[in-house]
PDB file of N, CA and C in Angstrom:
ATOM      1  N   MET A   1      12.268 -19.975 -17.102  1.00  0.00           N
ATOM      2  CA  MET A   1      12.401 -19.601 -18.498  1.00  0.00           C
ATOM      3  C   MET A   1      11.557 -18.380 -18.810  1.00  0.00           C
ATOM      4  N   ILE A   2      10.310 -18.350 -18.331  1.00  0.00           N
ATOM      5  CA  ILE A   2       9.465 -17.202 -18.634  1.00  0.00           C
ATOM      6  C   ILE A   2       9.978 -15.980 -17.869  1.00  0.00           C
ATOM      7  N   LEU A   3      10.417 -16.191 -16.636  1.00  0.00           N
ATOM      8  CA  LEU A   3      10.986 -15.082 -15.850  1.00  0.00           C
ATOM      9  C   LEU A   3      12.181 -14.467 -16.576  1.00  0.00           C
ATOM     10  N   HIS A   4      13.037 -15.280 -17.135  1.00  0.00           N
ATOM     11  CA  HIS A   4      14.184 -14.808 -17.906  1.00  0.00           C
ATOM     12  C   HIS A   4      13.718 -13.945 -19.062  1.00  0.00           C
ATOM     13  N   LYS A   5      12.717 -14.421 -19.790  1.00  0.00           N
ATOM     14  CA  LYS A   5      12.240 -13.659 -20.940  1.00  0.00           C
ATOM     15  C   LYS A   5      11.623 -12.320 -20.551  1.00  0.00           C
ATOM     16  N   VAL A   6      10.892 -12.346 -19.445  1.00  0.00           N
ATOM     17  CA  VAL A   6      10.250 -11.113 -18.966  1.00  0.00           C
ATOM     18  C   VAL A   6      11.330 -10.116 -18.574  1.00  0.00           C
ATOM     19  N   LEU A   7      12.274 -10.546 -17.743  1.00  0.00           N
ATOM     20  CA  LEU A   7      13.336  -9.606 -17.287  1.00  0.00           C
ATOM     21  C   LEU A   7      14.174  -9.132 -18.451  1.00  0.00           C
ATOM     22  N   ASN A   8      14.396  -9.969 -19.420  1.00  0.00           N
ATOM     23  CA  ASN A   8      15.153  -9.576 -20.617  1.00  0.00           C
ATOM     24  C   ASN A   8      14.380  -8.475 -21.368  1.00  0.00           C
ATOM     25  N   PHE A   9      13.097  -8.660 -21.495  1.00  0.00           N
ATOM     26  CA  PHE A   9      12.233  -7.662 -22.169  1.00  0.00           C
ATOM     27  C   PHE A   9      12.275  -6.373 -21.360  1.00  0.00           C
ATOM     28  N   VAL A  10      12.076  -6.430 -20.050  1.00  0.00           N
ATOM     29  CA  VAL A  10      12.011  -5.229 -19.208  1.00  0.00           C
ATOM     30  C   VAL A  10      13.331  -4.492 -19.280  1.00  0.00           C
ATOM     31  N   ALA A  11      14.427  -5.223 -19.285  1.00  0.00           N
ATOM     32  CA  ALA A  11      15.796  -4.586 -19.308  1.00  0.00           C
ATOM     33  C   ALA A  11      15.976  -3.761 -20.563  1.00  0.00           C
ATOM     34  N   LYS A  12      15.313  -4.177 -21.671  1.00  0.00           N
ATOM     35  CA  LYS A  12      15.484  -3.452 -22.941  1.00  0.00           C
ATOM     36  C   LYS A  12      14.588  -2.222 -23.064  1.00  0.00           C
ATOM     37  N   GLN A  13      13.673  -2.066 -22.084  1.00  0.00           N
ATOM     38  CA  GLN A  13      12.708  -0.969 -22.105  1.00  0.00           C
ATOM     39  C   GLN A  13      13.295   0.183 -21.265  1.00  0.00           C
ATOM     40  N   SER A  14      12.790   1.374 -21.563  1.00  0.00           N
ATOM     41  CA  SER A  14      13.217   2.513 -20.707  1.00  0.00           C
ATOM     42  C   SER A  14      11.968   3.102 -19.996  1.00  0.00           C
ATOM     43  N   GLU A  15      10.903   2.331 -19.960  1.00  0.00           N
ATOM     44  CA  GLU A  15       9.646   2.805 -19.340  1.00  0.00           C
ATOM     45  C   GLU A  15       9.675   2.508 -17.857  1.00  0.00           C
ATOM     46  N   VAL A  16       9.488   3.540 -17.095  1.00  0.00           N
ATOM     47  CA  VAL A  16       9.471   3.437 -15.660  1.00  0.00           C
ATOM     48  C   VAL A  16       8.329   2.486 -15.251  1.00  0.00           C
ATOM     49  N   GLU A  17       7.167   2.652 -15.850  1.00  0.00           N
ATOM     50  CA  GLU A  17       6.014   1.808 -15.458  1.00  0.00           C
ATOM     51  C   GLU A  17       6.235   0.330 -15.667  1.00  0.00           C
ATOM     52  N   ILE A  18       6.973  -0.030 -16.721  1.00  0.00           N
ATOM     53  CA  ILE A  18       7.264  -1.411 -16.994  1.00  0.00           C
ATOM     54  C   ILE A  18       8.229  -1.968 -15.924  1.00  0.00           C
ATOM     55  N   SER A  19       9.208  -1.201 -15.550  1.00  0.00           N
ATOM     56  CA  SER A  19      10.141  -1.627 -14.522  1.00  0.00           C
ATOM     57  C   SER A  19       9.388  -1.788 -13.152  1.00  0.00           C
ATOM     58  N   ILE A  20       8.558  -0.891 -12.846  1.00  0.00           N
ATOM     59  CA  ILE A  20       7.770  -0.949 -11.593  1.00  0.00           C
ATOM     60  C   ILE A  20       6.918  -2.180 -11.566  1.00  0.00           C
ATOM     61  N   SER A  21       6.221  -2.468 -12.712  1.00  0.00           N
ATOM     62  CA  SER A  21       5.342  -3.644 -12.753  1.00  0.00           C
ATOM     63  C   SER A  21       6.180  -4.930 -12.586  1.00  0.00           C
ATOM     64  N   ALA A  22       7.352  -4.984 -13.198  1.00  0.00           N
ATOM     65  CA  ALA A  22       8.174  -6.166 -13.038  1.00  0.00           C
ATOM     66  C   ALA A  22       8.633  -6.347 -11.602  1.00  0.00           C
ATOM     67  N   LEU A  23       8.984  -5.254 -10.926  1.00  0.00           N
ATOM     68  CA  LEU A  23       9.356  -5.304  -9.525  1.00  0.00           C
ATOM     69  C   LEU A  23       8.209  -5.788  -8.657  1.00  0.00           C
ATOM     70  N   GLN A  24       6.984  -5.259  -8.935  1.00  0.00           N
ATOM     71  CA  GLN A  24       5.830  -5.670  -8.175  1.00  0.00           C
ATOM     72  C   GLN A  24       5.563  -7.151  -8.395  1.00  0.00           C
ATOM     73  N   ALA A  25       5.830  -7.663  -9.587  1.00  0.00           N
ATOM     74  CA  ALA A  25       5.611  -9.106  -9.843  1.00  0.00           C
ATOM     75  C   ALA A  25       6.660  -9.972  -9.142  1.00  0.00           C
ATOM     76  N   LEU A  26       7.867  -9.447  -8.918  1.00  0.00           N
ATOM     77  CA  LEU A  26       8.902 -10.193  -8.277  1.00  0.00           C
ATOM     78  C   LEU A  26       8.655 -10.322  -6.766  1.00  0.00           C
ATOM     79  N   HIS A  27       7.992  -9.314  -6.201  1.00  0.00           N
ATOM     80  CA  HIS A  27       7.779  -9.317  -4.758  1.00  0.00           C
ATOM     81  C   HIS A  27       7.266 -10.632  -4.225  1.00  0.00           C
ATOM     82  N   PRO A  28       6.118 -11.143  -4.673  1.00  0.00           N
ATOM     83  CA  PRO A  28       5.600 -12.371  -4.064  1.00  0.00           C
ATOM     84  C   PRO A  28       6.393 -13.631  -4.466  1.00  0.00           C
ATOM     85  N   LEU A  29       7.160 -13.520  -5.525  1.00  0.00           N
ATOM     86  CA  LEU A  29       7.941 -14.688  -5.953  1.00  0.00           C
ATOM     87  C   LEU A  29       9.181 -14.928  -5.093  1.00  0.00           C
ATOM     88  N   GLN A  30       9.648 -13.873  -4.482  1.00  0.00           N
ATOM     89  CA  GLN A  30      10.923 -13.944  -3.667  1.00  0.00           C
ATOM     90  C   GLN A  30      11.999 -14.738  -4.388  1.00  0.00           C
ATOM     91  N   PRO A  31      12.394 -14.310  -5.623  1.00  0.00           N
ATOM     92  CA  PRO A  31      13.343 -15.119  -6.393  1.00  0.00           C
ATOM     93  C   PRO A  31      14.705 -15.077  -5.758  1.00  0.00           C
ATOM     94  N   ARG A  32      15.502 -16.094  -6.063  1.00  0.00           N
ATOM     95  CA  ARG A  32      16.861 -16.166  -5.575  1.00  0.00           C
ATOM     96  C   ARG A  32      17.877 -16.301  -6.698  1.00  0.00           C
ATOM     97  N   ASP A  33      17.378 -16.306  -7.948  1.00  0.00           N
ATOM     98  CA  ASP A  33      18.302 -16.490  -9.063  1.00  0.00           C
ATOM     99  C   ASP A  33      19.039 -15.152  -9.309  1.00  0.00           C
ATOM    100  N   ALA A  34      20.225 -15.282  -9.841  1.00  0.00           N
ATOM    101  CA  ALA A  34      21.101 -14.174 -10.063  1.00  0.00           C
ATOM    102  C   ALA A  34      20.482 -13.085 -10.964  1.00  0.00           C
ATOM    103  N   GLU A  35      19.785 -13.508 -11.966  1.00  0.00           N
ATOM    104  CA  GLU A  35      19.178 -12.549 -12.927  1.00  0.00           C
ATOM    105  C   GLU A  35      18.193 -11.647 -12.239  1.00  0.00           C
ATOM    106  N   SER A  36      17.272 -12.260 -11.457  1.00  0.00           N
ATOM    107  CA  SER A  36      16.231 -11.496 -10.756  1.00  0.00           C
ATOM    108  C   SER A  36      16.860 -10.577  -9.701  1.00  0.00           C
ATOM    109  N   LEU A  37      17.763 -11.106  -8.961  1.00  0.00           N
ATOM    110  CA  LEU A  37      18.452 -10.283  -7.916  1.00  0.00           C
ATOM    111  C   LEU A  37      19.229  -9.191  -8.535  1.00  0.00           C
ATOM    112  N   GLY A  38      19.863  -9.434  -9.685  1.00  0.00           N
ATOM    113  CA  GLY A  38      20.581  -8.403 -10.426  1.00  0.00           C
ATOM    114  C   GLY A  38      19.665  -7.297 -10.898  1.00  0.00           C
ATOM    115  N   PHE A  39      18.439  -7.672 -11.348  1.00  0.00           N
ATOM    116  CA  PHE A  39      17.484  -6.705 -11.806  1.00  0.00           C
ATOM    117  C   PHE A  39      17.037  -5.771 -10.596  1.00  0.00           C
ATOM    118  N   VAL A  40      16.846  -6.399  -9.466  1.00  0.00           N
ATOM    119  CA  VAL A  40      16.437  -5.620  -8.272  1.00  0.00           C
ATOM    120  C   VAL A  40      17.585  -4.692  -7.880  1.00  0.00           C
ATOM    121  N   GLY A  41      18.810  -5.188  -7.914  1.00  0.00           N
ATOM    122  CA  GLY A  41      19.981  -4.379  -7.562  1.00  0.00           C
ATOM    123  C   GLY A  41      20.140  -3.174  -8.499  1.00  0.00           C
ATOM    124  N   LYS A  42      19.971  -3.413  -9.793  1.00  0.00           N
ATOM    125  CA  LYS A  42      20.071  -2.306 -10.743  1.00  0.00           C
ATOM    126  C   LYS A  42      18.938  -1.328 -10.523  1.00  0.00           C
ATOM    127  N   SER A  43      17.802  -1.792 -10.125  1.00  0.00           N
ATOM    128  CA  SER A  43      16.650  -0.921  -9.872  1.00  0.00           C
ATOM    129  C   SER A  43      16.890  -0.068  -8.652  1.00  0.00           C
ATOM    130  N   LEU A  44      17.533  -0.653  -7.649  1.00  0.00           N
ATOM    131  CA  LEU A  44      17.891   0.130  -6.434  1.00  0.00           C
ATOM    132  C   LEU A  44      18.882   1.238  -6.747  1.00  0.00           C
ATOM    133  N   ASP A  45      19.712   1.001  -7.782  1.00  0.00           N
ATOM    134  CA  ASP A  45      20.700   1.986  -8.212  1.00  0.00           C
ATOM    135  C   ASP A  45      20.195   2.908  -9.322  1.00  0.00           C
ATOM    136  N   GLY A  46      19.012   2.696  -9.727  1.00  0.00           N
ATOM    137  CA  GLY A  46      18.474   3.405 -10.925  1.00  0.00           C
ATOM    138  C   GLY A  46      18.323   4.902 -10.685  1.00  0.00           C
ATOM    139  N   THR A  47      18.070   5.641 -11.772  1.00  0.00           N
ATOM    140  CA  THR A  47      17.948   7.071 -11.707  1.00  0.00           C
ATOM    141  C   THR A  47      16.527   7.511 -11.339  1.00  0.00           C
ATOM    142  N   SER A  48      15.577   6.681 -11.495  1.00  0.00           N
ATOM    143  CA  SER A  48      14.168   7.016 -11.178  1.00  0.00           C
ATOM    144  C   SER A  48      13.847   6.721  -9.735  1.00  0.00           C
ATOM    145  N   ALA A  49      13.391   7.722  -9.021  1.00  0.00           N
ATOM    146  CA  ALA A  49      13.014   7.586  -7.595  1.00  0.00           C
ATOM    147  C   ALA A  49      11.845   6.596  -7.501  1.00  0.00           C
ATOM    148  N   PHE A  50      10.965   6.557  -8.549  1.00  0.00           N
ATOM    149  CA  PHE A  50       9.819   5.685  -8.542  1.00  0.00           C
ATOM    150  C   PHE A  50      10.272   4.185  -8.639  1.00  0.00           C
ATOM    151  N   VAL A  51      11.246   3.946  -9.487  1.00  0.00           N
ATOM    152  CA  VAL A  51      11.832   2.622  -9.649  1.00  0.00           C
ATOM    153  C   VAL A  51      12.552   2.189  -8.398  1.00  0.00           C
ATOM    154  N   ARG A  52      13.332   3.097  -7.825  1.00  0.00           N
ATOM    155  CA  ARG A  52      14.034   2.768  -6.560  1.00  0.00           C
ATOM    156  C   ARG A  52      13.064   2.403  -5.467  1.00  0.00           C
ATOM    157  N   GLU A  53      11.980   3.169  -5.379  1.00  0.00           N
ATOM    158  CA  GLU A  53      10.937   2.892  -4.356  1.00  0.00           C
ATOM    159  C   GLU A  53      10.327   1.530  -4.590  1.00  0.00           C
ATOM    160  N   ALA A  54      10.010   1.231  -5.839  1.00  0.00           N
ATOM    161  CA  ALA A  54       9.386  -0.092  -6.185  1.00  0.00           C
ATOM    162  C   ALA A  54      10.348  -1.210  -5.851  1.00  0.00           C
ATOM    163  N   ALA A  55      11.640  -0.990  -6.027  1.00  0.00           N
ATOM    164  CA  ALA A  55      12.620  -2.014  -5.693  1.00  0.00           C
ATOM    165  C   ALA A  55      12.711  -2.224  -4.174  1.00  0.00           C
ATOM    166  N   VAL A  56      12.670  -1.169  -3.409  1.00  0.00           N
ATOM    167  CA  VAL A  56      12.638  -1.270  -1.967  1.00  0.00           C
ATOM    168  C   VAL A  56      11.382  -2.001  -1.538  1.00  0.00           C
ATOM    169  N   ASN A  57      10.240  -1.682  -2.122  1.00  0.00           N
ATOM    170  CA  ASN A  57       9.011  -2.363  -1.808  1.00  0.00           C
ATOM    171  C   ASN A  57       9.085  -3.838  -2.162  1.00  0.00           C
ATOM    172  N   ALA A  58       9.702  -4.159  -3.295  1.00  0.00           N
ATOM    173  CA  ALA A  58       9.765  -5.537  -3.797  1.00  0.00           C
ATOM    174  C   ALA A  58      10.449  -6.493  -2.813  1.00  0.00           C
ATOM    175  N   ILE A  59      11.457  -5.971  -2.115  1.00  0.00           N
ATOM    176  CA  ILE A  59      12.169  -6.896  -1.242  1.00  0.00           C
ATOM    177  C   ILE A  59      11.648  -6.979   0.193  1.00  0.00           C
ATOM    178  N   GLN A  60      10.570  -6.239   0.451  1.00  0.00           N
ATOM    179  CA  GLN A  60       9.905  -6.344   1.747  1.00  0.00           C
ATOM    180  C   GLN A  60       9.423  -7.730   1.939  1.00  0.00           C
ATOM    181  N   GLY A  61       9.704  -8.352   3.101  1.00  0.00           N
ATOM    182  CA  GLY A  61       9.244  -9.690   3.378  1.00  0.00           C
ATOM    183  C   GLY A  61      10.167 -10.799   2.905  1.00  0.00           C
ATOM    184  N   TRP A  62      11.164 -10.427   2.106  1.00  0.00           N
ATOM    185  CA  TRP A  62      12.160 -11.422   1.635  1.00  0.00           C
ATOM    186  C   TRP A  62      13.050 -11.743   2.849  1.00  0.00           C
ATOM    187  N   LYS A  63      13.597 -12.955   2.812  1.00  0.00           N
ATOM    188  CA  LYS A  63      14.499 -13.414   3.896  1.00  0.00           C
ATOM    189  C   LYS A  63      15.691 -12.527   4.013  1.00  0.00           C
ATOM    190  N   ARG A  64      16.171 -12.387   5.247  1.00  0.00           N
ATOM    191  CA  ARG A  64      17.260 -11.494   5.540  1.00  0.00           C
ATOM    192  C   ARG A  64      18.516 -11.841   4.711  1.00  0.00           C
ATOM    193  N   GLU A  65      18.774 -13.138   4.534  1.00  0.00           N
ATOM    194  CA  GLU A  65      19.972 -13.525   3.774  1.00  0.00           C
ATOM    195  C   GLU A  65      19.903 -13.098   2.312  1.00  0.00           C
ATOM    196  N   VAL A  66      18.696 -12.973   1.796  1.00  0.00           N
ATOM    197  CA  VAL A  66      18.528 -12.461   0.391  1.00  0.00           C
ATOM    198  C   VAL A  66      18.719 -10.975   0.404  1.00  0.00           C
ATOM    199  N   ARG A  67      18.014 -10.265   1.389  1.00  0.00           N
ATOM    200  CA  ARG A  67      18.139  -8.870   1.417  1.00  0.00           C
ATOM    201  C   ARG A  67      19.559  -8.351   1.721  1.00  0.00           C
ATOM    202  N   ALA A  68      20.357  -9.162   2.374  1.00  0.00           N
ATOM    203  CA  ALA A  68      21.729  -8.785   2.737  1.00  0.00           C
ATOM    204  C   ALA A  68      22.524  -8.417   1.489  1.00  0.00           C
ATOM    205  N   ALA A  69      22.213  -8.976   0.377  1.00  0.00           N
ATOM    206  CA  ALA A  69      22.945  -8.643  -0.865  1.00  0.00           C
ATOM    207  C   ALA A  69      22.754  -7.169  -1.254  1.00  0.00           C
ATOM    208  N   PHE A  70      21.720  -6.557  -0.737  1.00  0.00           N
ATOM    209  CA  PHE A  70      21.368  -5.183  -1.090  1.00  0.00           C
ATOM    210  C   PHE A  70      21.649  -4.194   0.073  1.00  0.00           C
ATOM    211  N   ALA A  71      22.371  -4.655   1.059  1.00  0.00           N
ATOM    212  CA  ALA A  71      22.592  -3.808   2.250  1.00  0.00           C
ATOM    213  C   ALA A  71      23.196  -2.470   1.928  1.00  0.00           C
ATOM    214  N   SER A  72      24.200  -2.434   1.074  1.00  0.00           N
ATOM    215  CA  SER A  72      24.855  -1.164   0.742  1.00  0.00           C
ATOM    216  C   SER A  72      23.913  -0.221  -0.015  1.00  0.00           C
ATOM    217  N   GLN A  73      23.128  -0.752  -0.895  1.00  0.00           N
ATOM    218  CA  GLN A  73      22.157   0.042  -1.648  1.00  0.00           C
ATOM    219  C   GLN A  73      21.096   0.588  -0.739  1.00  0.00           C
ATOM    220  N   LEU A  74      20.578  -0.284   0.149  1.00  0.00           N
ATOM    221  CA  LEU A  74      19.544   0.163   1.096  1.00  0.00           C
ATOM    222  C   LEU A  74      20.112   1.222   2.017  1.00  0.00           C
ATOM    223  N   GLY A  75      21.362   1.076   2.425  1.00  0.00           N
ATOM    224  CA  GLY A  75      22.019   2.091   3.262  1.00  0.00           C
ATOM    225  C   GLY A  75      22.140   3.423   2.547  1.00  0.00           C
ATOM    226  N   ARG A  76      22.492   3.373   1.265  1.00  0.00           N
ATOM    227  CA  ARG A  76      22.608   4.602   0.494  1.00  0.00           C
ATOM    228  C   ARG A  76      21.242   5.291   0.412  1.00  0.00           C
ATOM    229  N   ILE A  77      20.202   4.527   0.089  1.00  0.00           N
ATOM    230  CA  ILE A  77      18.846   5.084  -0.026  1.00  0.00           C
ATOM    231  C   ILE A  77      18.383   5.617   1.313  1.00  0.00           C
ATOM    232  N   ALA A  78      18.651   4.872   2.406  1.00  0.00           N
ATOM    233  CA  ALA A  78      18.239   5.293   3.748  1.00  0.00           C
ATOM    234  C   ALA A  78      18.886   6.631   4.143  1.00  0.00           C
ATOM    235  N   GLY A  79      20.079   6.884   3.662  1.00  0.00           N
ATOM    236  CA  GLY A  79      20.792   8.112   4.013  1.00  0.00           C
ATOM    237  C   GLY A  79      20.694   9.245   3.018  1.00  0.00           C
ATOM    238  N   ASP A  80      19.910   9.028   1.961  1.00  0.00           N
ATOM    239  CA  ASP A  80      19.811  10.048   0.891  1.00  0.00           C
ATOM    240  C   ASP A  80      18.674  10.999   1.181  1.00  0.00           C
ATOM    241  N   PRO A  81      18.962  12.268   1.482  1.00  0.00           N
ATOM    242  CA  PRO A  81      17.914  13.234   1.776  1.00  0.00           C
ATOM    243  C   PRO A  81      17.003  13.582   0.569  1.00  0.00           C
ATOM    244  N   GLN A  82      17.430  13.141  -0.637  1.00  0.00           N
ATOM    245  CA  GLN A  82      16.603  13.382  -1.808  1.00  0.00           C
ATOM    246  C   GLN A  82      15.468  12.345  -1.906  1.00  0.00           C
ATOM    247  N   GLU A  83      15.595  11.213  -1.212  1.00  0.00           N
ATOM    248  CA  GLU A  83      14.572  10.188  -1.237  1.00  0.00           C
ATOM    249  C   GLU A  83      13.426  10.627  -0.287  1.00  0.00           C
ATOM    250  N   ARG A  84      12.222  10.167  -0.608  1.00  0.00           N
ATOM    251  CA  ARG A  84      11.086  10.437   0.284  1.00  0.00           C
ATOM    252  C   ARG A  84      11.339   9.778   1.626  1.00  0.00           C
ATOM    253  N   GLU A  85      10.856  10.403   2.693  1.00  0.00           N
ATOM    254  CA  GLU A  85      11.037   9.920   4.047  1.00  0.00           C
ATOM    255  C   GLU A  85      10.580   8.492   4.241  1.00  0.00           C
ATOM    256  N   GLU A  86       9.395   8.144   3.653  1.00  0.00           N
ATOM    257  CA  GLU A  86       8.875   6.776   3.768  1.00  0.00           C
ATOM    258  C   GLU A  86       9.811   5.775   3.164  1.00  0.00           C
ATOM    259  N   VAL A  87      10.433   6.122   2.015  1.00  0.00           N
ATOM    260  CA  VAL A  87      11.334   5.218   1.359  1.00  0.00           C
ATOM    261  C   VAL A  87      12.623   5.025   2.157  1.00  0.00           C
ATOM    262  N   ARG A  88      13.122   6.178   2.676  1.00  0.00           N
ATOM    263  CA  ARG A  88      14.328   6.098   3.523  1.00  0.00           C
ATOM    264  C   ARG A  88      14.095   5.237   4.759  1.00  0.00           C
ATOM    265  N   SER A  89      12.951   5.408   5.409  1.00  0.00           N
ATOM    266  CA  SER A  89      12.658   4.619   6.610  1.00  0.00           C
ATOM    267  C   SER A  89      12.507   3.127   6.282  1.00  0.00           C
ATOM    268  N   ARG A  90      11.819   2.855   5.184  1.00  0.00           N
ATOM    269  CA  ARG A  90      11.606   1.437   4.784  1.00  0.00           C
ATOM    270  C   ARG A  90      12.969   0.822   4.458  1.00  0.00           C
ATOM    271  N   ALA A  91      13.810   1.535   3.749  1.00  0.00           N
ATOM    272  CA  ALA A  91      15.131   1.005   3.374  1.00  0.00           C
ATOM    273  C   ALA A  91      15.965   0.751   4.652  1.00  0.00           C
ATOM    274  N   GLN A  92      15.880   1.627   5.607  1.00  0.00           N
ATOM    275  CA  GLN A  92      16.624   1.465   6.873  1.00  0.00           C
ATOM    276  C   GLN A  92      16.156   0.214   7.609  1.00  0.00           C
ATOM    277  N   ARG A  93      14.851   0.031   7.658  1.00  0.00           N
ATOM    278  CA  ARG A  93      14.254  -1.151   8.354  1.00  0.00           C
ATOM    279  C   ARG A  93      14.660  -2.455   7.655  1.00  0.00           C
ATOM    280  N   LEU A  94      14.654  -2.449   6.338  1.00  0.00           N
ATOM    281  CA  LEU A  94      14.979  -3.610   5.567  1.00  0.00           C
ATOM    282  C   LEU A  94      16.473  -4.039   5.754  1.00  0.00           C
ATOM    283  N   ARG A  95      17.313  -3.089   6.019  1.00  0.00           N
ATOM    284  CA  ARG A  95      18.702  -3.394   6.254  1.00  0.00           C
ATOM    285  C   ARG A  95      18.921  -4.253   7.495  1.00  0.00           C
ATOM    286  N   TYR A  96      18.080  -4.062   8.507  1.00  0.00           N
ATOM    287  CA  TYR A  96      18.329  -4.666   9.797  1.00  0.00           C
ATOM    288  C   TYR A  96      17.254  -5.622  10.306  1.00  0.00           C
ATOM    289  N   VAL A  97      16.072  -5.577   9.757  1.00  0.00           N
ATOM    290  CA  VAL A  97      14.989  -6.434  10.273  1.00  0.00           C
ATOM    291  C   VAL A  97      15.380  -7.865   9.988  1.00  0.00           C
ATOM    292  N   ASP A  98      15.260  -8.698  11.013  1.00  0.00           N
ATOM    293  CA  ASP A  98      15.608 -10.113  10.886  1.00  0.00           C
ATOM    294  C   ASP A  98      14.341 -10.908  10.606  1.00  0.00           C
ATOM    295  N   ARG A  99      14.248 -11.494   9.442  1.00  0.00           N
ATOM    296  CA  ARG A  99      13.112 -12.344   9.094  1.00  0.00           C
ATOM    297  C   ARG A  99      13.623 -13.583   8.425  1.00  0.00           C
TER     298      ARG A  99
END
């Protein structure tokens, strides 16, 4: 219930810092609900490189079957020369690392 309220609040904001903080909070939770995963997916597709990086960082350590939902987005980030090299490399590893 609280997670829903927080994500609803964050979705209404246009502040990069708020989105990054929400993604950082999701990392240790490893959520599997549609709303949280949808938020991460939208963040991976976002216009801010900082938010995209935070989304990539958020899913580090999540189980492969959860990360698989983001394979196409991670592939796009991994192949985008506009992304920082560290972010591209991390996205590439997350697509294939089995955990």
